[in-house]
C-alpha atoms as a PDB file:
ATOM      1  CA  ASN A   1     242.580 -87.317  24.895  1.00  0.00           C
ATOM      2  CA  ILE A   2     238.857 -86.509  25.053  1.00  0.00           C
ATOM      3  CA  PHE A   3     237.251 -83.062  24.842  1.00  0.00           C
ATOM      4  CA  TYR A   4     233.586 -82.582  25.728  1.00  0.00           C
ATOM      5  CA  THR A   5     231.297 -79.984  24.169  1.00  0.00           C
ATOM      6  CA  GLY A   6     228.014 -81.276  25.575  1.00  0.00           C
ATOM      7  CA  ALA A   7     226.723 -80.146  28.952  1.00  0.00           C
ATOM      8  CA  THR A   8     228.060 -81.288  32.283  1.00  0.00           C
ATOM      9  CA  THR A   9     225.532 -82.001  35.023  1.00  0.00           C
ATOM     10  CA  ASN A  10     225.989 -78.540  36.524  1.00  0.00           C
ATOM     11  CA  GLN A  11     225.257 -76.963  33.131  1.00  0.00           C
ATOM     12  CA  GLN A  12     221.977 -78.819  32.486  1.00  0.00           C
ATOM     13  CA  ILE A  13     220.453 -80.909  35.274  1.00  0.00           C
ATOM     14  CA  VAL A  14     221.342 -78.698  38.245  1.00  0.00           C
ATOM     15  CA  PRO A  15     220.104 -75.514  36.530  1.00  0.00           C
ATOM     16  CA  ALA A  16     216.858 -77.307  35.641  1.00  0.00           C
ATOM     17  CA  LEU A  17     216.410 -78.215  39.307  1.00  0.00           C
ATOM     18  CA  ASP A  18     217.213 -74.632  40.328  1.00  0.00           C
ATOM     19  CA  PHE A  19     214.555 -73.420  37.895  1.00  0.00           C
ATOM     20  CA  LEU A  20     211.920 -75.800  39.277  1.00  0.00           C
ATOM     21  CA  LYS A  21     212.774 -74.786  42.825  1.00  0.00           C
ATOM     22  CA  GLU A  22     212.452 -71.101  41.883  1.00  0.00           C
ATOM     23  CA  LYS A  23     209.004 -71.900  40.466  1.00  0.00           C
ATOM     24  CA  GLY A  24     207.920 -73.351  43.804  1.00  0.00           C
ATOM     25  CA  ILE A  25     208.051 -77.051  42.852  1.00  0.00           C
ATOM     26  CA  THR A  26     208.317 -79.110  46.057  1.00  0.00           C
ATOM     27  CA  SER A  27     207.956 -82.648  44.696  1.00  0.00           C
ATOM     28  CA  LEU A  28     209.163 -84.609  41.674  1.00  0.00           C
ATOM     29  CA  TYR A  29     208.482 -87.906  39.942  1.00  0.00           C
ATOM     30  CA  LEU A  30     211.477 -89.423  38.126  1.00  0.00           C
ATOM     31  CA  VAL A  31     210.984 -91.357  34.883  1.00  0.00           C
ATOM     32  CA  GLY A  32     213.902 -92.694  32.871  1.00  0.00           C
ATOM     33  CA  SER A  33     215.266 -95.346  30.543  1.00  0.00           C
ATOM     34  CA  ASP A  34     217.067 -98.160  32.318  1.00  0.00           C
ATOM     35  CA  TYR A  35     220.738 -97.484  31.637  1.00  0.00           C
ATOM     36  CA  VAL A  36     223.639 -95.579  33.123  1.00  0.00           C
ATOM     37  CA  PHE A  37     222.743 -91.959  32.295  1.00  0.00           C
ATOM     38  CA  PRO A  38     219.227 -91.857  33.808  1.00  0.00           C
ATOM     39  CA  GLN A  39     220.325 -93.912  36.818  1.00  0.00           C
ATOM     40  CA  THR A  40     223.250 -91.549  37.467  1.00  0.00           C
ATOM     41  CA  ALA A  41     221.225 -88.406  36.751  1.00  0.00           C
ATOM     42  CA  ASN A  42     218.588 -89.488  39.230  1.00  0.00           C
ATOM     43  CA  ARG A  43     221.183 -90.130  41.937  1.00  0.00           C
ATOM     44  CA  ILE A  44     222.188 -86.506  41.500  1.00  0.00           C
ATOM     45  CA  ILE A  45     218.578 -85.306  41.440  1.00  0.00           C
ATOM     46  CA  LYS A  46     217.785 -87.201  44.647  1.00  0.00           C
ATOM     47  CA  ALA A  47     220.827 -85.697  46.404  1.00  0.00           C
ATOM     48  CA  TYR A  48     219.787 -82.204  45.282  1.00  0.00           C
ATOM     49  CA  ALA A  49     216.205 -82.854  46.362  1.00  0.00           C
ATOM     50  CA  ALA A  50     217.253 -84.029  49.822  1.00  0.00           C
ATOM     51  CA  ALA A  51     219.279 -80.851  50.332  1.00  0.00           C
ATOM     52  CA  ASN A  52     216.586 -78.528  49.008  1.00  0.00           C
ATOM     53  CA  GLY A  53     213.398 -79.794  50.602  1.00  0.00           C
ATOM     54  CA  ILE A  54     212.028 -81.454  47.464  1.00  0.00           C
ATOM     55  CA  GLU A  55     210.147 -84.741  47.874  1.00  0.00           C
ATOM     56  CA  ILE A  56     210.701 -87.562  45.387  1.00  0.00           C
ATOM     57  CA  LYS A  57     207.247 -89.064  44.886  1.00  0.00           C
ATOM     58  CA  GLY A  58     208.407 -91.967  42.738  1.00  0.00           C
ATOM     59  CA  GLU A  59     211.148 -93.311  40.480  1.00  0.00           C
ATOM     60  CA  ASP A  60     210.573 -95.618  37.529  1.00  0.00           C
ATOM     61  CA  TYR A  61     212.794 -97.011  34.790  1.00  0.00           C
ATOM     62  CA  THR A  62     211.833 -98.762  31.595  1.00  0.00           C
ATOM     63  CA  PRO A  63     213.961-100.697  29.057  1.00  0.00           C
ATOM     64  CA  LEU A  64     215.298 -98.698  26.123  1.00  0.00           C
ATOM     65  CA  GLY A  65     212.726 -98.784  23.344  1.00  0.00           C
ATOM     66  CA  SER A  66     209.841 -99.576  25.677  1.00  0.00           C
ATOM     67  CA  THR A  67     206.465 -98.322  24.433  1.00  0.00           C
ATOM     68  CA  ASP A  68     204.096 -99.364  27.237  1.00  0.00           C
ATOM     69  CA  PHE A  69     203.708 -96.500  29.690  1.00  0.00           C
ATOM     70  CA  SER A  70     200.176 -97.007  30.942  1.00  0.00           C
ATOM     71  CA  THR A  71     201.248 -98.253  34.382  1.00  0.00           C
ATOM     72  CA  ILE A  72     203.964 -95.634  34.858  1.00  0.00           C
ATOM     73  CA  VAL A  73     201.723 -92.760  33.758  1.00  0.00           C
ATOM     74  CA  ASN A  74     198.980 -93.946  36.120  1.00  0.00           C
ATOM     75  CA  LYS A  75     201.527 -93.949  38.963  1.00  0.00           C
ATOM     76  CA  VAL A  76     202.716 -90.492  37.978  1.00  0.00           C
ATOM     77  CA  ARG A  77     199.152 -89.165  37.917  1.00  0.00           C
ATOM     78  CA  ALA A  78     198.321 -90.727  41.284  1.00  0.00           C
ATOM     79  CA  SER A  79     201.485 -89.270  42.852  1.00  0.00           C
ATOM     80  CA  ASN A  80     200.251 -85.691  42.459  1.00  0.00           C
ATOM     81  CA  ALA A  81     203.887 -84.606  42.064  1.00  0.00           C
ATOM     82  CA  GLY A  82     204.666 -81.001  41.287  1.00  0.00           C
ATOM     83  CA  ALA A  83     206.607 -81.962  38.161  1.00  0.00           C
ATOM     84  CA  VAL A  84     208.156 -84.901  36.305  1.00  0.00           C
ATOM     85  CA  PHE A  85     211.888 -85.071  35.560  1.00  0.00           C
ATOM     86  CA  ASN A  86     212.247 -87.092  32.368  1.00  0.00           C
ATOM     87  CA  THR A  87     215.431 -88.950  31.359  1.00  0.00           C
ATOM     88  CA  LEU A  88     213.794 -91.283  28.848  1.00  0.00           C
ATOM     89  CA  ASN A  89     215.601 -91.705  25.537  1.00  0.00           C
ATOM     90  CA  GLY A  90     214.658 -92.532  21.982  1.00  0.00           C
ATOM     91  CA  ASP A  91     211.279 -93.866  20.877  1.00  0.00           C
ATOM     92  CA  SER A  92     210.145 -94.307  24.460  1.00  0.00           C
ATOM     93  CA  ASN A  93     209.482 -90.569  24.594  1.00  0.00           C
ATOM     94  CA  VAL A  94     206.911 -90.857  21.803  1.00  0.00           C
ATOM     95  CA  ALA A  95     204.918 -93.469  23.713  1.00  0.00           C
ATOM     96  CA  PHE A  96     205.347 -91.728  27.069  1.00  0.00           C
ATOM     97  CA  PHE A  97     204.052 -88.333  25.958  1.00  0.00           C
ATOM     98  CA  LYS A  98     201.149 -89.798  23.987  1.00  0.00           C
ATOM     99  CA  GLU A  99     200.105 -91.750  27.089  1.00  0.00           C
ATOM    100  CA  TYR A 100     200.690 -88.683  29.261  1.00  0.00           C
ATOM    101  CA  THR A 101     198.394 -86.584  27.072  1.00  0.00           C
ATOM    102  CA  ASN A 102     195.763 -89.334  26.862  1.00  0.00           C
ATOM    103  CA  ALA A 103     195.723 -89.531  30.665  1.00  0.00           C
ATOM    104  CA  GLY A 104     194.726 -85.879  30.833  1.00  0.00           C
ATOM    105  CA  LEU A 105     198.034 -84.709  32.240  1.00  0.00           C
ATOM    106  CA  THR A 106     199.018 -81.267  30.972  1.00  0.00           C
ATOM    107  CA  PRO A 107     201.971 -78.899  31.428  1.00  0.00           C
ATOM    108  CA  GLN A 108     199.695 -76.796  33.626  1.00  0.00           C
ATOM    109  CA  LYS A 109     198.739 -79.724  35.870  1.00  0.00           C
ATOM    110  CA  MET A 110     202.124 -81.454  36.009  1.00  0.00           C
ATOM    111  CA  PRO A 111     204.936 -80.127  33.807  1.00  0.00           C
ATOM    112  CA  VAL A 112     207.601 -82.468  32.458  1.00  0.00           C
ATOM    113  CA  VAL A 113     211.218 -81.339  32.217  1.00  0.00           C
ATOM    114  CA  SER A 114     213.210 -83.377  29.676  1.00  0.00           C
ATOM    115  CA  VAL A 115     216.958 -83.471  29.088  1.00  0.00           C
ATOM    116  CA  SER A 116     217.000 -85.661  25.967  1.00  0.00           C
ATOM    117  CA  ILE A 117     214.322 -84.035  23.801  1.00  0.00           C
ATOM    118  CA  ALA A 118     215.503 -81.482  21.257  1.00  0.00           C
ATOM    119  CA  GLU A 119     213.888 -80.110  18.104  1.00  0.00           C
ATOM    120  CA  GLU A 120     214.400 -83.332  16.112  1.00  0.00           C
ATOM    121  CA  GLU A 121     212.730 -85.403  18.826  1.00  0.00           C
ATOM    122  CA  VAL A 122     209.782 -82.990  19.043  1.00  0.00           C
ATOM    123  CA  GLN A 123     209.092 -83.704  15.377  1.00  0.00           C
ATOM    124  CA  GLY A 124     209.085 -87.438  16.104  1.00  0.00           C
ATOM    125  CA  ILE A 125     206.853 -87.159  19.171  1.00  0.00           C
ATOM    126  CA  GLY A 126     204.465 -84.734  17.522  1.00  0.00           C
ATOM    127  CA  ALA A 127     204.199 -81.168  18.787  1.00  0.00           C
ATOM    128  CA  GLN A 128     200.543 -81.733  19.666  1.00  0.00           C
ATOM    129  CA  ASN A 129     201.603 -84.307  22.266  1.00  0.00           C
ATOM    130  CA  ILE A 130     204.291 -82.205  23.931  1.00  0.00           C
ATOM    131  CA  ALA A 131     203.506 -78.504  23.427  1.00  0.00           C
ATOM    132  CA  GLY A 132     203.938 -76.560  26.646  1.00  0.00           C
ATOM    133  CA  GLN A 133     206.375 -79.034  28.187  1.00  0.00           C
ATOM    134  CA  LEU A 134     209.888 -77.997  29.199  1.00  0.00           C
ATOM    135  CA  THR A 135     213.431 -78.904  28.204  1.00  0.00           C
ATOM    136  CA  ALA A 136     216.857 -78.217  29.689  1.00  0.00           C
ATOM    137  CA  TRP A 137     219.649 -77.589  27.168  1.00  0.00           C
ATOM    138  CA  ASN A 138     222.233 -74.948  26.261  1.00  0.00           C
ATOM    139  CA  TYR A 139     221.124 -74.228  22.700  1.00  0.00           C
ATOM    140  CA  TYR A 140     217.865 -73.887  20.776  1.00  0.00           C
ATOM    141  CA  GLN A 141     217.302 -73.110  17.105  1.00  0.00           C
ATOM    142  CA  THR A 142     215.294 -70.044  18.159  1.00  0.00           C
ATOM    143  CA  LEU A 143     218.165 -68.256  19.943  1.00  0.00           C
ATOM    144  CA  ASP A 144     218.115 -64.646  18.822  1.00  0.00           C
ATOM    145  CA  ASN A 145     221.694 -63.704  18.030  1.00  0.00           C
ATOM    146  CA  PRO A 146     223.503 -63.022  14.727  1.00  0.00           C
ATOM    147  CA  VAL A 147     225.807 -66.046  14.950  1.00  0.00           C
ATOM    148  CA  ASN A 148     222.918 -68.448  15.440  1.00  0.00           C
ATOM    149  CA  LYS A 149     220.806 -66.856  12.714  1.00  0.00           C
ATOM    150  CA  ALA A 150     223.675 -67.346  10.252  1.00  0.00           C
ATOM    151  CA  PHE A 151     224.204 -70.926  11.488  1.00  0.00           C
ATOM    152  CA  VAL A 152     220.514 -71.855  11.093  1.00  0.00           C
ATOM    153  CA  LYS A 153     220.300 -70.236   7.649  1.00  0.00           C
ATOM    154  CA  ALA A 154     223.420 -72.049   6.409  1.00  0.00           C
ATOM    155  CA  PHE A 155     222.131 -75.355   7.770  1.00  0.00           C
ATOM    156  CA  LYS A 156     218.688 -74.997   6.193  1.00  0.00           C
ATOM    157  CA  ASP A 157     220.132 -73.803   2.888  1.00  0.00           C
ATOM    158  CA  LYS A 158     222.235 -76.974   2.693  1.00  0.00           C
ATOM    159  CA  TYR A 159     219.946 -79.612   4.212  1.00  0.00           C
ATOM    160  CA  GLY A 160     216.420 -78.312   3.635  1.00  0.00           C
ATOM    161  CA  GLN A 161     214.138 -75.614   4.969  1.00  0.00           C
ATOM    162  CA  ASN A 162     212.096 -78.180   6.915  1.00  0.00           C
ATOM    163  CA  ARG A 163     215.138 -79.413   8.850  1.00  0.00           C
ATOM    164  CA  VAL A 164     215.870 -78.206  12.365  1.00  0.00           C
ATOM    165  CA  THR A 165     219.035 -77.647  14.339  1.00  0.00           C
ATOM    166  CA  SER A 166     219.414 -78.909  17.911  1.00  0.00           C
ATOM    167  CA  ASP A 167     221.666 -78.801  20.965  1.00  0.00           C
ATOM    168  CA  PRO A 168     223.616 -82.022  20.198  1.00  0.00           C
ATOM    169  CA  MET A 169     224.058 -80.889  16.591  1.00  0.00           C
ATOM    170  CA  GLU A 170     225.352 -77.462  17.648  1.00  0.00           C
ATOM    171  CA  ALA A 171     227.721 -79.044  20.195  1.00  0.00           C
ATOM    172  CA  ALA A 172     229.266 -81.162  17.425  1.00  0.00           C
ATOM    173  CA  TYR A 173     229.655 -78.077  15.234  1.00  0.00           C
ATOM    174  CA  VAL A 174     231.314 -76.224  18.125  1.00  0.00           C
ATOM    175  CA  SER A 175     233.798 -79.050  18.696  1.00  0.00           C
ATOM    176  CA  VAL A 176     235.251 -78.736  15.203  1.00  0.00           C
ATOM    177  CA  TYR A 177     235.891 -75.010  15.596  1.00  0.00           C
ATOM    178  CA  LEU A 178     237.345 -75.353  19.092  1.00  0.00           C
ATOM    179  CA  TRP A 179     239.756 -77.951  17.697  1.00  0.00           C
ATOM    180  CA  LYS A 180     240.632 -75.564  14.843  1.00  0.00           C
ATOM    181  CA  ASN A 181     241.256 -72.687  17.248  1.00  0.00           C
ATOM    182  CA  THR A 182     243.395 -74.875  19.504  1.00  0.00           C
ATOM    183  CA  VAL A 183     245.486 -76.111  16.567  1.00  0.00           C
ATOM    184  CA  GLU A 184     246.026 -72.507  15.494  1.00  0.00           C
ATOM    185  CA  LYS A 185     246.993 -71.451  19.043  1.00  0.00           C
ATOM    186  CA  GLY A 186     249.500 -74.295  19.397  1.00  0.00           C
ATOM    187  CA  LYS A 187     250.614 -74.075  15.738  1.00  0.00           C
ATOM    188  CA  SER A 188     250.483 -77.865  15.585  1.00  0.00           C
ATOM    189  CA  PHE A 189     248.188 -80.825  14.905  1.00  0.00           C
ATOM    190  CA  ASP A 190     250.099 -82.839  17.515  1.00  0.00           C
ATOM    191  CA  VAL A 191     247.875 -84.260  20.263  1.00  0.00           C
ATOM    192  CA  LYS A 192     250.146 -83.090  23.071  1.00  0.00           C
ATOM    193  CA  ALA A 193     250.338 -79.617  21.590  1.00  0.00           C
ATOM    194  CA  ILE A 194     246.530 -79.505  21.523  1.00  0.00           C
ATOM    195  CA  GLN A 195     246.354 -80.704  25.131  1.00  0.00           C
ATOM    196  CA  ASP A 196     248.940 -78.157  26.251  1.00  0.00           C
ATOM    197  CA  ASN A 197     247.271 -75.232  24.475  1.00  0.00           C
ATOM    198  CA  CYS A 198     243.567 -75.947  24.947  1.00  0.00           C
ATOM    199  CA  GLY A 199     243.026 -73.984  28.162  1.00  0.00           C
ATOM    200  CA  GLY A 200     241.217 -70.704  27.568  1.00  0.00           C
ATOM    201  CA  VAL A 201     240.543 -71.324  23.871  1.00  0.00           C
ATOM    202  CA  THR A 202     237.232 -69.716  22.922  1.00  0.00           C
ATOM    203  CA  PHE A 203     234.692 -69.829  20.103  1.00  0.00           C
ATOM    204  CA  ASP A 204     231.812 -67.457  19.404  1.00  0.00           C
ATOM    205  CA  ALA A 205     229.273 -70.243  19.002  1.00  0.00           C
ATOM    206  CA  PRO A 206     225.580 -70.172  18.052  1.00  0.00           C
ATOM    207  CA  GLU A 207     224.844 -70.796  21.750  1.00  0.00           C
ATOM    208  CA  GLY A 208     227.123 -67.914  22.803  1.00  0.00           C
ATOM    209  CA  LEU A 209     230.769 -67.650  23.766  1.00  0.00           C
ATOM    210  CA  VAL A 210     232.272 -70.961  24.933  1.00  0.00           C
ATOM    211  CA  THR A 211     235.687 -71.512  26.504  1.00  0.00           C
ATOM    212  CA  ILE A 212     237.685 -74.711  27.009  1.00  0.00           C
ATOM    213  CA  ASP A 213     238.618 -75.564  30.603  1.00  0.00           C
ATOM    214  CA  GLY A 214     242.205 -76.782  30.346  1.00  0.00           C
ATOM    215  CA  GLY A 215     241.884 -78.858  33.498  1.00  0.00           C
ATOM    216  CA  ASN A 216     238.918 -81.104  32.644  1.00  0.00           C
ATOM    217  CA  HIS A 217     238.522 -80.546  28.858  1.00  0.00           C
ATOM    218  CA  HIS A 218     234.881 -79.494  29.187  1.00  0.00           C
ATOM    219  CA  ILE A 219     233.662 -76.075  28.070  1.00  0.00           C
ATOM    220  CA  THR A 220     231.745 -73.203  29.623  1.00  0.00           C
ATOM    221  CA  LYS A 221     228.074 -73.216  28.605  1.00  0.00           C
ATOM    222  CA  THR A 222     224.997 -71.102  29.302  1.00  0.00           C
ATOM    223  CA  ALA A 223     222.106 -73.125  30.748  1.00  0.00           C
ATOM    224  CA  ARG A 224     218.681 -72.587  29.189  1.00  0.00           C
ATOM    225  CA  ILE A 225     215.204 -73.837  30.037  1.00  0.00           C
ATOM    226  CA  GLY A 226     212.994 -73.986  26.971  1.00  0.00           C
ATOM    227  CA  GLU A 227     209.282 -74.381  26.356  1.00  0.00           C
ATOM    228  CA  ILE A 228     208.074 -76.450  23.421  1.00  0.00           C
ATOM    229  CA  HIS A 229     205.606 -74.577  21.212  1.00  0.00           C
ATOM    230  CA  PRO A 230     202.955 -75.926  18.820  1.00  0.00           C
ATOM    231  CA  ASP A 231     205.214 -75.015  15.881  1.00  0.00           C
ATOM    232  CA  GLY A 232     207.625 -77.741  17.065  1.00  0.00           C
ATOM    233  CA  LEU A 233     210.335 -75.309  18.087  1.00  0.00           C
ATOM    234  CA  ILE A 234     211.684 -74.630  21.571  1.00  0.00           C
ATOM    235  CA  TYR A 235     211.808 -71.127  23.019  1.00  0.00           C
ATOM    236  CA  THR A 236     213.970 -69.984  25.933  1.00  0.00           C
ATOM    237  CA  ILE A 237     211.993 -69.032  29.049  1.00  0.00           C
ATOM    238  CA  TRP A 238     214.950 -68.882  31.451  1.00  0.00           C
ATOM    239  CA  GLU A 239     218.717 -68.794  31.156  1.00  0.00           C
ATOM    240  CA  SER A 240     221.679 -68.575  33.483  1.00  0.00           C
ATOM    241  CA  PRO A 241     223.225 -65.105  33.906  1.00  0.00           C
ATOM    242  CA  GLY A 242     226.228 -66.193  31.854  1.00  0.00           C
ATOM    243  CA  PRO A 243     228.312 -69.212  30.834  1.00  0.00           C
ATOM    244  CA  ILE A 244     228.665 -71.756  33.664  1.00  0.00           C
ATOM    245  CA  THR A 245     232.114 -73.128  34.499  1.00  0.00           C
ATOM    246  CA  PRO A 246     232.081 -76.920  33.968  1.00  0.00           C
ATOM    247  CA  ASP A 247     232.138 -78.987  37.163  1.00  0.00           C
ATOM    248  CA  PRO A 248     231.643 -82.573  35.940  1.00  0.00           C
ATOM    249  CA  TYR A 249     232.100 -84.132  39.384  1.00  0.00           C
ATOM    250  CA  LEU A 250     230.077 -81.448  41.222  1.00  0.00           C
ATOM    251  CA  LYS A 251     233.008 -80.735  43.520  1.00  0.00           C
ATOM    252  CA  SER A 252     231.734 -77.220  44.230  1.00  0.00           C
ATOM    253  CA  TYR A 253     228.329 -78.453  45.452  1.00  0.00           C
ATOM    254  CA  PRO A 254     228.302 -79.522  49.132  1.00  0.00           C
ATOM    255  CA  TRP A 255     225.108 -81.572  48.697  1.00  0.00           C
ATOM    256  CA  ALA A 256     226.854 -83.727  46.050  1.00  0.00           C
ATOM    257  CA  LYS A 257     229.645 -84.876  48.339  1.00  0.00           C
ATOM    258  CA  GLY A 258     230.034 -88.642  48.103  1.00  0.00           C
ATOM    259  CA  LEU A 259     228.210 -89.053  44.764  1.00  0.00           C
ATOM    260  CA  SER A 260     231.462 -89.683  42.890  1.00  0.00           C
ATOM    261  CA  ALA A 261     232.619 -92.391  45.283  1.00  0.00           C
END
């Protein structure tokens, strides 16, 4: 009964790791909030790292809402890791990046890749504290295509020119139209009719063409690595060659065998 329009692991975390590997990163430090998503994400990251010759220099978790990062940042700095993979959520990111900057750590010295920081969060953290750092998503406000330009204009016209769009926001928007297109395909609002007709339904979304996988109810998505700029927006610096087929349990990745057990 559930359809997912956010990224699966192989559409966000795995591409981010592929990007870091391509850039010659050979060691990582893992920092996350202490709940199920970061813990699970880091299990996946550690399995990928083991199979790809990447050393995990450290792994730290902090309670949701935590604002004291002095000890963790000191450990990160002392580790001399090639990069930090960040799965912190909420206000903790504000404190973490302020401490990171105060400690003299820069994107050039030790880049941070985040999977929970979008344009809204950049505003909260302050662009001056996070400019140059990296994010892994499927959508950014700055995507240069006609559909996205119309989407951003309509959003700003309604909610204010100072407002920003973001990946989670766009995914919610996409879900409504995929539901609409599935209802129209099945000629019914009935749940079973939607389930039976969802496979192959597409939508020309702001992020690009997306397609529902009828087997797992996820959608195809293009992976994008973005760099945060001083203007508070995120600009694509790498993207997958095309939409990635969703593989929520990483069944097509030999190194992930056993993670779902």
